[in-house]
Amino acid sequence: MDSFLLLYFFFCCAYGAAIIVPVARILKRVGITPWVSVLALVPIINLLGLWLFAFNPWPSDSAQAESAAEWSEADKEKFRELMRQQ
């Protein structure tokens, strides 16, 4: 019986590490403290956190929008040429 409990404890620790480590790395890259990854083990909280995480604005969204809004000199010149043709 003791070996079964030891094996069960090892399995629970391995399962927890397999969940917490990748979630912590993802949260760290986004700029959220990795300690929040412990909540990924709580059944209902992990789904709620996943939905909040998915629909919050990402830091890359604002940088991508700013770079997409900027025109290069070639684009500006092409636009001027099109406007002259009208």
Protein backbone atom coordinates (compact mmCIF):
# COMPACT_ATOMS: atom_id res chain seq x y z
CA MET A 1 0.00 0.00 0.00
CA ASP A 2 2.84 2.37 0.78
CA SER A 3 4.39 1.86 -2.64
CA PHE A 4 1.04 2.69 -4.26
CA LEU A 5 0.83 5.97 -2.30
CA LEU A 6 4.40 6.82 -3.23
CA LEU A 7 3.69 6.10 -6.89
CA TYR A 8 0.49 8.17 -6.71
CA PHE A 9 2.38 11.06 -5.09
CA PHE A 10 5.05 10.91 -7.80
CA PHE A 11 2.39 10.86 -10.52
CA CYS A 12 0.62 13.90 -9.01
CA CYS A 13 3.87 15.85 -8.78
CA ALA A 14 4.82 14.97 -12.37
CA TYR A 15 1.36 15.92 -13.61
CA GLY A 16 1.49 19.24 -11.74
CA ALA A 17 4.92 20.03 -13.17
CA ALA A 18 3.78 19.10 -16.67
CA ILE A 19 0.99 21.67 -16.36
CA ILE A 20 2.68 24.44 -14.38
CA VAL A 21 6.01 24.72 -16.24
CA PRO A 22 4.65 25.47 -19.75
CA VAL A 23 1.90 27.74 -18.41
CA ALA A 24 4.49 29.67 -16.38
CA ARG A 25 6.70 30.14 -19.45
CA ILE A 26 3.79 31.41 -21.53
CA LEU A 27 2.68 33.82 -18.82
CA LYS A 28 6.24 35.10 -18.35
CA ARG A 29 6.57 35.85 -22.08
CA VAL A 30 3.34 37.82 -22.04
CA GLY A 31 4.37 39.81 -18.98
CA ILE A 32 2.23 38.19 -16.30
CA THR A 33 3.83 36.81 -13.15
CA PRO A 34 4.52 33.07 -13.49
CA TRP A 35 3.06 32.41 -10.03
CA VAL A 36 -0.41 32.64 -11.57
CA SER A 37 0.32 29.32 -13.30
CA VAL A 38 -0.49 27.52 -10.02
CA LEU A 39 -4.14 28.39 -10.68
CA ALA A 40 -3.98 26.17 -13.77
CA LEU A 41 -4.37 23.19 -11.45
CA VAL A 42 -7.75 24.38 -10.11
CA PRO A 43 -10.47 22.94 -12.38
CA ILE A 44 -12.92 25.82 -12.92
CA ILE A 45 -10.38 28.60 -12.41
CA ASN A 46 -8.16 27.26 -15.20
CA LEU A 47 -10.98 27.51 -17.76
CA LEU A 48 -11.90 31.00 -16.60
CA GLY A 49 -8.24 32.04 -16.73
CA LEU A 50 -7.85 30.60 -20.21
CA TRP A 51 -10.82 32.60 -21.50
CA LEU A 52 -9.58 35.80 -19.84
CA PHE A 53 -6.10 35.22 -21.22
CA ALA A 54 -7.36 34.56 -24.74
CA PHE A 55 -9.53 37.66 -25.00
CA ASN A 56 -7.34 40.23 -23.26
CA PRO A 57 -5.30 42.51 -25.50
CA TRP A 58 -1.82 41.16 -26.16
CA PRO A 59 1.29 43.36 -26.01
CA SER A 60 2.15 42.41 -29.59
CA ASP A 61 -1.25 43.60 -30.84
CA SER A 62 -0.50 47.28 -30.26
CA ALA A 63 3.01 47.07 -31.73
CA GLN A 64 1.71 45.23 -34.77
CA ALA A 65 -1.04 47.79 -35.33
CA GLU A 66 1.42 50.68 -35.10
CA SER A 67 3.81 49.12 -37.57
CA ALA A 68 0.96 48.30 -39.96
CA ALA A 69 -0.25 51.91 -39.79
CA GLU A 70 3.11 53.30 -40.90
CA TRP A 71 3.65 53.71 -44.62
CA SER A 72 7.02 53.23 -46.21
CA GLU A 73 8.40 55.86 -48.55
CA ALA A 74 7.67 53.60 -51.53
CA ASP A 75 4.03 53.31 -50.44
CA LYS A 76 3.76 57.07 -50.03
CA GLU A 77 5.22 57.68 -53.47
CA LYS A 78 2.92 55.10 -55.04
CA PHE A 79 -0.06 56.79 -53.38
CA ARG A 80 1.01 60.21 -54.66
CA GLU A 81 1.38 58.81 -58.17
CA LEU A 82 -2.10 57.31 -58.04
CA MET A 83 -3.54 60.59 -56.79
CA ARG A 84 -1.86 62.48 -59.66
CA GLN A 85 -3.38 60.11 -62.20
CA GLN A 86 -6.92 60.88 -61.04
